[in-house]
Amino acid sequence: MPTIVFLSPKGGVGKTTSAMILANQLSQGAPVTVIDADPNRPFQSWERGGNAPDNLKIIADADEENIIDKIEEAAAATPFVIVDLEGTAAKIVVLAVSQADLVIIPTQGSQLDAEQAGRALKVIHQQEKMSRSKVDYGVLLTRTNPAIRTRTTSHIMEGLGNNAISVFDTQLHEREAYRAMFSFRQTLDGLRGEDVANLDKAIANANAFTMEVVDRLRASKQARAGEAA
């Protein structure tokens, strides 16, 4: 079953938020296991709120000694596995990427963050050399303004495209609802519109991101099947 790894060398780019959004939306239709391999254990903290859906299981005892076993066990038990990692230098990162069907690299729309995302791309390219097989990935722009596309963001998008770097069409916008998920330890759909502004737009944005992830996984699976044939 698909394993989706979230990877970022830089904090504050919305990595865990992106992983949380995807896990919550996928769990509405299928069981999901999240392997919380970030040392801060943000998913474990969120789960303590008692609002995690029945379809969402969180594993918070993964380390570099057992990460592959944890991923394999989760993939055998649930249709989707999401791995939330921190940094790029640790051995656990390389091991998790080696098991990934899709790596998502969140980055904000700034030149500094885009340059830092290049470190995550190096990890992917190193894994491709070691395994001699392609690692599917996508750069995800986060915390963008839904109404205005800045010149900086346009410049970054152009640079990524010119370097043949895969980028998600969907961007995760700056939304109060995404922060509220952690503040209230609640799912996105569990939040109330009277408490959170533009909740409907946040849900629509989250669903668009989730559908693009599913479409990428489906296309990747078809491509591998074609190569095998």
C-alpha atoms as a PDB file:
ATOM      1  CA  MET A   1       0.000   0.000   0.000  1.00  0.00           C
ATOM      2  CA  PRO A   2       1.246   3.550  -0.722  1.00  0.00           C
ATOM      3  CA  THR A   3       3.734   5.097   1.674  1.00  0.00           C
ATOM      4  CA  ILE A   4       3.909   8.893   1.595  1.00  0.00           C
ATOM      5  CA  VAL A   5       6.893  10.535   3.256  1.00  0.00           C
ATOM      6  CA  PHE A   6       6.950  14.209   4.272  1.00  0.00           C
ATOM      7  CA  LEU A   7      10.465  15.613   4.294  1.00  0.00           C
ATOM      8  CA  SER A   8      11.898  19.052   4.987  1.00  0.00           C
ATOM      9  CA  PRO A   9      15.337  20.207   6.164  1.00  0.00           C
ATOM     10  CA  LYS A  10      13.857  23.418   7.543  1.00  0.00           C
ATOM     11  CA  GLY A  11      11.347  23.935  10.321  1.00  0.00           C
ATOM     12  CA  GLY A  12       8.337  26.178  10.022  1.00  0.00           C
ATOM     13  CA  VAL A  13       7.442  25.344   6.421  1.00  0.00           C
ATOM     14  CA  GLY A  14       4.188  23.559   7.234  1.00  0.00           C
ATOM     15  CA  LYS A  15       5.514  19.997   6.971  1.00  0.00           C
ATOM     16  CA  THR A  16       3.530  18.514   9.843  1.00  0.00           C
ATOM     17  CA  THR A  17       0.498  20.626   8.991  1.00  0.00           C
ATOM     18  CA  SER A  18       0.567  19.282   5.419  1.00  0.00           C
ATOM     19  CA  ALA A  19       0.931  15.714   6.683  1.00  0.00           C
ATOM     20  CA  MET A  20      -1.919  16.248   9.146  1.00  0.00           C
ATOM     21  CA  ILE A  21      -4.211  17.629   6.464  1.00  0.00           C
ATOM     22  CA  LEU A  22      -3.523  14.714   4.155  1.00  0.00           C
ATOM     23  CA  ALA A  23      -3.922  12.110   6.902  1.00  0.00           C
ATOM     24  CA  ASN A  24      -7.231  13.587   8.037  1.00  0.00           C
ATOM     25  CA  GLN A  25      -8.703  13.849   4.555  1.00  0.00           C
ATOM     26  CA  LEU A  26      -7.586  10.372   3.468  1.00  0.00           C
ATOM     27  CA  SER A  27      -8.951   8.831   6.664  1.00  0.00           C
ATOM     28  CA  GLN A  28     -12.458   9.917   5.681  1.00  0.00           C
ATOM     29  CA  GLY A  29     -12.452   7.212   3.030  1.00  0.00           C
ATOM     30  CA  ALA A  30      -9.861   4.636   4.102  1.00  0.00           C
ATOM     31  CA  PRO A  31      -7.772   3.572   7.102  1.00  0.00           C
ATOM     32  CA  VAL A  32      -4.526   5.528   7.455  1.00  0.00           C
ATOM     33  CA  THR A  33      -1.456   4.962   9.600  1.00  0.00           C
ATOM     34  CA  VAL A  34       0.755   7.922  10.479  1.00  0.00           C
ATOM     35  CA  ILE A  35       4.305   7.179  11.606  1.00  0.00           C
ATOM     36  CA  ASP A  36       5.237  10.163  13.744  1.00  0.00           C
ATOM     37  CA  ALA A  37       9.021  10.126  13.313  1.00  0.00           C
ATOM     38  CA  ASP A  38       9.529  13.806  14.112  1.00  0.00           C
ATOM     39  CA  PRO A  39      11.352  13.963  17.489  1.00  0.00           C
ATOM     40  CA  ASN A  40       8.822  16.560  18.655  1.00  0.00           C
ATOM     41  CA  ARG A  41       6.032  13.975  18.185  1.00  0.00           C
ATOM     42  CA  PRO A  42       3.413  16.511  17.003  1.00  0.00           C
ATOM     43  CA  PHE A  43       0.928  13.843  15.891  1.00  0.00           C
ATOM     44  CA  GLN A  44       1.120  12.087  19.227  1.00  0.00           C
ATOM     45  CA  SER A  45       0.436  15.388  20.993  1.00  0.00           C
ATOM     46  CA  TRP A  46      -2.509  16.085  18.678  1.00  0.00           C
ATOM     47  CA  GLU A  47      -3.937  12.604  19.263  1.00  0.00           C
ATOM     48  CA  ARG A  48      -4.122  13.252  22.996  1.00  0.00           C
ATOM     49  CA  GLY A  49      -6.976  15.642  22.294  1.00  0.00           C
ATOM     50  CA  GLY A  50      -9.179  12.587  21.815  1.00  0.00           C
ATOM     51  CA  ASN A  51     -10.587  13.652  18.455  1.00  0.00           C
ATOM     52  CA  ALA A  52      -8.591  11.429  16.112  1.00  0.00           C
ATOM     53  CA  PRO A  53     -10.941   9.522  13.777  1.00  0.00           C
ATOM     54  CA  ASP A  54     -11.218   5.754  14.144  1.00  0.00           C
ATOM     55  CA  ASN A  55      -9.655   5.322  10.704  1.00  0.00           C
ATOM     56  CA  LEU A  56      -6.460   7.130  11.735  1.00  0.00           C
ATOM     57  CA  LYS A  57      -3.780   5.237  13.662  1.00  0.00           C
ATOM     58  CA  ILE A  58      -0.675   7.009  14.954  1.00  0.00           C
ATOM     59  CA  ILE A  59       2.616   5.253  15.686  1.00  0.00           C
ATOM     60  CA  ALA A  60       5.086   7.340  17.680  1.00  0.00           C
ATOM     61  CA  ASP A  61       7.840   4.897  18.616  1.00  0.00           C
ATOM     62  CA  ALA A  62       9.694   4.776  15.293  1.00  0.00           C
ATOM     63  CA  ASP A  63      13.449   5.231  15.175  1.00  0.00           C
ATOM     64  CA  GLU A  64      16.262   4.420  12.772  1.00  0.00           C
ATOM     65  CA  GLU A  65      16.457   0.888  14.124  1.00  0.00           C
ATOM     66  CA  ASN A  66      12.842  -0.011  13.390  1.00  0.00           C
ATOM     67  CA  ILE A  67      11.531   2.492  10.820  1.00  0.00           C
ATOM     68  CA  ILE A  68      11.501   0.040   7.911  1.00  0.00           C
ATOM     69  CA  ASP A  69       9.708  -2.604   9.992  1.00  0.00           C
ATOM     70  CA  LYS A  70       7.179  -0.003  11.160  1.00  0.00           C
ATOM     71  CA  ILE A  71       6.484   1.095   7.588  1.00  0.00           C
ATOM     72  CA  GLU A  72       6.135  -2.481   6.331  1.00  0.00           C
ATOM     73  CA  GLU A  73       3.787  -3.424   9.178  1.00  0.00           C
ATOM     74  CA  ALA A  74       1.661  -0.320   8.624  1.00  0.00           C
ATOM     75  CA  ALA A  75       1.526  -0.867   4.857  1.00  0.00           C
ATOM     76  CA  ALA A  76       0.297  -4.406   5.431  1.00  0.00           C
ATOM     77  CA  ALA A  77      -2.451  -3.181   7.761  1.00  0.00           C
ATOM     78  CA  THR A  78      -3.782   0.019   6.154  1.00  0.00           C
ATOM     79  CA  PRO A  79      -4.246   1.326   2.588  1.00  0.00           C
ATOM     80  CA  PHE A  80      -2.218   4.486   3.281  1.00  0.00           C
ATOM     81  CA  VAL A  81       0.910   5.130   5.336  1.00  0.00           C
ATOM     82  CA  ILE A  82       2.138   8.663   6.046  1.00  0.00           C
ATOM     83  CA  VAL A  83       5.580   9.271   7.551  1.00  0.00           C
ATOM     84  CA  ASP A  84       6.373  12.629   9.153  1.00  0.00           C
ATOM     85  CA  LEU A  85      10.149  13.193   9.355  1.00  0.00           C
ATOM     86  CA  GLU A  86      12.423  15.966  10.584  1.00  0.00           C
ATOM     87  CA  GLY A  87      15.626  17.089   8.883  1.00  0.00           C
ATOM     88  CA  THR A  88      17.589  15.366   6.134  1.00  0.00           C
ATOM     89  CA  ALA A  89      20.881  14.280   7.697  1.00  0.00           C
ATOM     90  CA  ALA A  90      19.656  11.467   9.942  1.00  0.00           C
ATOM     91  CA  LYS A  91      19.845   7.831   8.921  1.00  0.00           C
ATOM     92  CA  ILE A  92      16.117   7.427   9.580  1.00  0.00           C
ATOM     93  CA  VAL A  93      15.386   9.877   6.754  1.00  0.00           C
ATOM     94  CA  VAL A  94      17.305   7.851   4.173  1.00  0.00           C
ATOM     95  CA  LEU A  95      15.660   4.643   5.354  1.00  0.00           C
ATOM     96  CA  ALA A  96      12.159   6.114   5.184  1.00  0.00           C
ATOM     97  CA  VAL A  97      12.728   7.585   1.722  1.00  0.00           C
ATOM     98  CA  SER A  98      13.869   4.159   0.541  1.00  0.00           C
ATOM     99  CA  GLN A  99      10.362   2.855   1.326  1.00  0.00           C
ATOM    100  CA  ALA A 100       8.424   5.779  -0.142  1.00  0.00           C
ATOM    101  CA  ASP A 101       5.974   5.630  -3.012  1.00  0.00           C
ATOM    102  CA  LEU A 102       5.823   9.422  -2.905  1.00  0.00           C
ATOM    103  CA  VAL A 103       7.970  12.014  -1.109  1.00  0.00           C
ATOM    104  CA  ILE A 104       6.393  15.399  -0.422  1.00  0.00           C
ATOM    105  CA  ILE A 105       8.714  18.349   0.217  1.00  0.00           C
ATOM    106  CA  PRO A 106       6.797  21.297   1.714  1.00  0.00           C
ATOM    107  CA  THR A 107       8.337  24.728   1.288  1.00  0.00           C
ATOM    108  CA  GLN A 108       7.150  28.280   1.737  1.00  0.00           C
ATOM    109  CA  GLY A 109       7.213  30.777  -1.087  1.00  0.00           C
ATOM    110  CA  SER A 110      10.572  32.321  -0.237  1.00  0.00           C
ATOM    111  CA  GLN A 111      13.943  31.960  -1.909  1.00  0.00           C
ATOM    112  CA  LEU A 112      15.584  30.829   1.334  1.00  0.00           C
ATOM    113  CA  ASP A 113      13.060  28.038   1.852  1.00  0.00           C
ATOM    114  CA  ALA A 114      13.317  26.981  -1.791  1.00  0.00           C
ATOM    115  CA  GLU A 115      17.090  26.708  -1.470  1.00  0.00           C
ATOM    116  CA  GLN A 116      16.704  24.638   1.697  1.00  0.00           C
ATOM    117  CA  ALA A 117      14.303  22.336  -0.127  1.00  0.00           C
ATOM    118  CA  GLY A 118      17.222  21.539  -2.410  1.00  0.00           C
ATOM    119  CA  ARG A 119      18.773  19.590   0.465  1.00  0.00           C
ATOM    120  CA  ALA A 120      15.756  17.289   0.500  1.00  0.00           C
ATOM    121  CA  LEU A 121      16.090  16.813  -3.250  1.00  0.00           C
ATOM    122  CA  LYS A 122      19.695  15.726  -2.735  1.00  0.00           C
ATOM    123  CA  VAL A 123      18.523  12.996  -0.363  1.00  0.00           C
ATOM    124  CA  ILE A 124      16.103  11.791  -3.022  1.00  0.00           C
ATOM    125  CA  HIS A 125      18.741  11.807  -5.752  1.00  0.00           C
ATOM    126  CA  GLN A 126      21.162   9.915  -3.498  1.00  0.00           C
ATOM    127  CA  GLN A 127      18.515   7.274  -2.847  1.00  0.00           C
ATOM    128  CA  GLU A 128      17.862   6.978  -6.579  1.00  0.00           C
ATOM    129  CA  LYS A 129      21.554   6.320  -7.177  1.00  0.00           C
ATOM    130  CA  MET A 130      21.713   3.699  -4.436  1.00  0.00           C
ATOM    131  CA  SER A 131      18.552   1.878  -5.489  1.00  0.00           C
ATOM    132  CA  ARG A 132      18.935   2.559  -9.221  1.00  0.00           C
ATOM    133  CA  SER A 133      15.250   3.338  -9.356  1.00  0.00           C
ATOM    134  CA  LYS A 134      13.188   6.498  -9.527  1.00  0.00           C
ATOM    135  CA  VAL A 135      11.770   8.084  -6.370  1.00  0.00           C
ATOM    136  CA  ASP A 136       8.535   9.941  -7.053  1.00  0.00           C
ATOM    137  CA  TYR A 137       8.386  13.284  -5.297  1.00  0.00           C
ATOM    138  CA  GLY A 138       6.734  16.672  -5.414  1.00  0.00           C
ATOM    139  CA  VAL A 139       7.540  20.091  -3.952  1.00  0.00           C
ATOM    140  CA  LEU A 140       4.503  21.521  -2.176  1.00  0.00           C
ATOM    141  CA  LEU A 141       4.206  25.274  -1.731  1.00  0.00           C
ATOM    142  CA  THR A 142       2.636  26.072   1.630  1.00  0.00           C
ATOM    143  CA  ARG A 143       1.236  29.076   3.465  1.00  0.00           C
ATOM    144  CA  THR A 144       0.602  30.895   0.218  1.00  0.00           C
ATOM    145  CA  ASN A 145      -1.856  33.756  -0.196  1.00  0.00           C
ATOM    146  CA  PRO A 146      -5.020  32.402  -1.859  1.00  0.00           C
ATOM    147  CA  ALA A 147      -5.849  35.783  -3.357  1.00  0.00           C
ATOM    148  CA  ILE A 148      -2.471  37.108  -4.506  1.00  0.00           C
ATOM    149  CA  ARG A 149       0.446  35.331  -6.138  1.00  0.00           C
ATOM    150  CA  THR A 150       3.537  37.277  -5.164  1.00  0.00           C
ATOM    151  CA  ARG A 151       6.421  37.971  -7.527  1.00  0.00           C
ATOM    152  CA  THR A 152       8.683  35.946  -5.248  1.00  0.00           C
ATOM    153  CA  THR A 153       6.413  32.913  -5.473  1.00  0.00           C
ATOM    154  CA  SER A 154       6.176  33.286  -9.256  1.00  0.00           C
ATOM    155  CA  HIS A 155       9.962  33.520  -9.478  1.00  0.00           C
ATOM    156  CA  ILE A 156      10.398  30.386  -7.360  1.00  0.00           C
ATOM    157  CA  MET A 157       7.837  28.464  -9.418  1.00  0.00           C
ATOM    158  CA  GLU A 158       9.610  29.482 -12.603  1.00  0.00           C
ATOM    159  CA  GLY A 159      12.987  28.407 -11.206  1.00  0.00           C
ATOM    160  CA  LEU A 160      11.657  25.026 -10.118  1.00  0.00           C
ATOM    161  CA  GLY A 161      10.089  24.482 -13.517  1.00  0.00           C
ATOM    162  CA  ASN A 162      13.252  25.475 -15.360  1.00  0.00           C
ATOM    163  CA  ASN A 163      15.160  22.865 -13.367  1.00  0.00           C
ATOM    164  CA  ALA A 164      12.603  20.149 -14.146  1.00  0.00           C
ATOM    165  CA  ILE A 165      11.656  19.848 -10.473  1.00  0.00           C
ATOM    166  CA  SER A 166       8.257  18.303  -9.861  1.00  0.00           C
ATOM    167  CA  VAL A 167       5.853  20.729  -8.155  1.00  0.00           C
ATOM    168  CA  PHE A 168       2.302  20.169  -6.949  1.00  0.00           C
ATOM    169  CA  ASP A 169      -0.297  22.185  -8.853  1.00  0.00           C
ATOM    170  CA  THR A 170      -2.185  22.643  -5.597  1.00  0.00           C
ATOM    171  CA  GLN A 171      -0.743  24.977  -2.999  1.00  0.00           C
ATOM    172  CA  LEU A 172      -1.728  24.842   0.659  1.00  0.00           C
ATOM    173  CA  HIS A 173      -2.912  28.310   1.534  1.00  0.00           C
ATOM    174  CA  GLU A 174      -2.421  30.256   4.726  1.00  0.00           C
ATOM    175  CA  ARG A 175      -5.637  29.385   6.596  1.00  0.00           C
ATOM    176  CA  GLU A 176      -6.676  29.849  10.192  1.00  0.00           C
ATOM    177  CA  ALA A 177      -8.316  26.422  10.091  1.00  0.00           C
ATOM    178  CA  TYR A 178      -4.984  24.672   9.579  1.00  0.00           C
ATOM    179  CA  ARG A 179      -3.573  26.267  12.721  1.00  0.00           C
ATOM    180  CA  ALA A 180      -6.809  25.565  14.609  1.00  0.00           C
ATOM    181  CA  MET A 181      -6.425  21.823  14.016  1.00  0.00           C
ATOM    182  CA  PHE A 182      -3.484  21.867  16.413  1.00  0.00           C
ATOM    183  CA  SER A 183      -4.861  24.518  18.760  1.00  0.00           C
ATOM    184  CA  PHE A 184      -8.088  22.562  19.347  1.00  0.00           C
ATOM    185  CA  ARG A 185      -6.526  19.133  18.637  1.00  0.00           C
ATOM    186  CA  GLN A 186      -9.326  18.584  16.193  1.00  0.00           C
ATOM    187  CA  THR A 187      -9.779  17.260  12.658  1.00  0.00           C
ATOM    188  CA  LEU A 188     -10.415  19.774   9.913  1.00  0.00           C
ATOM    189  CA  ASP A 189     -14.007  18.610   9.503  1.00  0.00           C
ATOM    190  CA  GLY A 190     -14.416  18.590  13.282  1.00  0.00           C
ATOM    191  CA  LEU A 191     -13.856  22.346  13.521  1.00  0.00           C
ATOM    192  CA  ARG A 192     -16.860  24.662  13.652  1.00  0.00           C
ATOM    193  CA  GLY A 193     -17.421  27.407  11.130  1.00  0.00           C
ATOM    194  CA  GLU A 194     -18.457  29.860  13.823  1.00  0.00           C
ATOM    195  CA  ASP A 195     -15.068  29.416  15.500  1.00  0.00           C
ATOM    196  CA  VAL A 196     -12.825  29.436  12.418  1.00  0.00           C
ATOM    197  CA  ALA A 197     -12.931  31.853   9.500  1.00  0.00           C
ATOM    198  CA  ASN A 198     -13.269  30.518   5.936  1.00  0.00           C
ATOM    199  CA  LEU A 199     -13.455  26.900   7.081  1.00  0.00           C
ATOM    200  CA  ASP A 200     -15.198  25.854   3.871  1.00  0.00           C
ATOM    201  CA  LYS A 201     -12.362  27.261   1.767  1.00  0.00           C
ATOM    202  CA  ALA A 202      -9.773  25.472   3.895  1.00  0.00           C
ATOM    203  CA  ILE A 203     -11.602  22.161   3.444  1.00  0.00           C
ATOM    204  CA  ALA A 204     -11.845  22.708  -0.316  1.00  0.00           C
ATOM    205  CA  ASN A 205      -8.111  23.460  -0.463  1.00  0.00           C
ATOM    206  CA  ALA A 206      -7.321  20.369   1.623  1.00  0.00           C
ATOM    207  CA  ASN A 207      -9.477  18.182  -0.602  1.00  0.00           C
ATOM    208  CA  ALA A 208      -7.781  19.497  -3.743  1.00  0.00           C
ATOM    209  CA  PHE A 209      -4.364  18.666  -2.298  1.00  0.00           C
ATOM    210  CA  THR A 210      -5.517  15.200  -1.252  1.00  0.00           C
ATOM    211  CA  MET A 211      -6.967  14.428  -4.673  1.00  0.00           C
ATOM    212  CA  GLU A 212      -3.727  15.491  -6.357  1.00  0.00           C
ATOM    213  CA  VAL A 213      -1.755  13.172  -4.072  1.00  0.00           C
ATOM    214  CA  VAL A 214      -4.087  10.270  -4.904  1.00  0.00           C
ATOM    215  CA  ASP A 215      -3.844  11.060  -8.622  1.00  0.00           C
ATOM    216  CA  ARG A 216      -0.033  11.076  -8.421  1.00  0.00           C
ATOM    217  CA  LEU A 217       0.005   7.745  -6.615  1.00  0.00           C
ATOM    218  CA  ARG A 218      -2.357   6.236  -9.177  1.00  0.00           C
ATOM    219  CA  ALA A 219      -0.277   7.526 -12.106  1.00  0.00           C
ATOM    220  CA  SER A 220       2.921   6.244 -10.508  1.00  0.00           C
ATOM    221  CA  LYS A 221       1.404   2.800  -9.965  1.00  0.00           C
ATOM    222  CA  GLN A 222       0.242   2.635 -13.583  1.00  0.00           C
ATOM    223  CA  ALA A 223       3.685   3.692 -14.800  1.00  0.00           C
ATOM    224  CA  ARG A 224       5.381   0.968 -12.768  1.00  0.00           C
ATOM    225  CA  ALA A 225       2.896  -1.606 -14.033  1.00  0.00           C
ATOM    226  CA  GLY A 226       3.655  -0.551 -17.593  1.00  0.00           C
ATOM    227  CA  GLU A 227       7.391  -0.867 -17.024  1.00  0.00           C
ATOM    228  CA  ALA A 228       6.945  -4.325 -15.517  1.00  0.00           C
ATOM    229  CA  ALA A 229       4.888  -5.458 -18.495  1.00  0.00           C
END
